Amino acid sequence: MAREIWSQRCAQARQRAEKELVWQLGDSVKGALPKQLVGGNYFAEQRQFNLSLQANGINFDQFLKVRGQTVEEFRTWLHTQAERKLRSWLGLLLVAEAEGLQPTETEVTAALTDWNEKLDGERTFPANDARKVRQRLARERAEQFIVAHSTLT
């Protein structure tokens, strides 16, 4: 039992380190971001957060009380997190471009046939859907590249 717990803790630590690498990449992406992109990402993070609360049976007031935050402090924190995630995604796309990690059209087409609403969101129109899948695949490859070339993990 102790080995199983140790193994789980090691896996969690590795996942945390990998996530931190991506966050650090995002922290180094500087410059102004388009307000519409930031706003859209903020609302997506807010929606994801609300779903997480619902799934865990926690109401928002309880959450704030445990964290010792006001609604305004929470909004500021969530906005910061949403911008950091957006900068991380942009950083991953830059790495994918610089390292030639872009998916082929065949790979994009295959991913489009296996559309996953959880990963890719709702379908919109073909060109937009292909762009979303292409970016997701490029980000995944860039993240794998960063982890493989890191001394942190």
Foldseek 3Di string as FASTA:
>chain_A
DVVVVVVVVVVVVLVVLLVVLLLVLLVPQDDDDDPVQLVVLLVVLVVVVVVVCVVVVHDPVNVCVVVVHDPVVVSVVSSVVSSSVVSSLVSLLVQLVVVVVFDDPVVLVVCVVVDDCVQQNDDDDDVVSSVSSRSSSSSVSSSVVSSVPDPSD
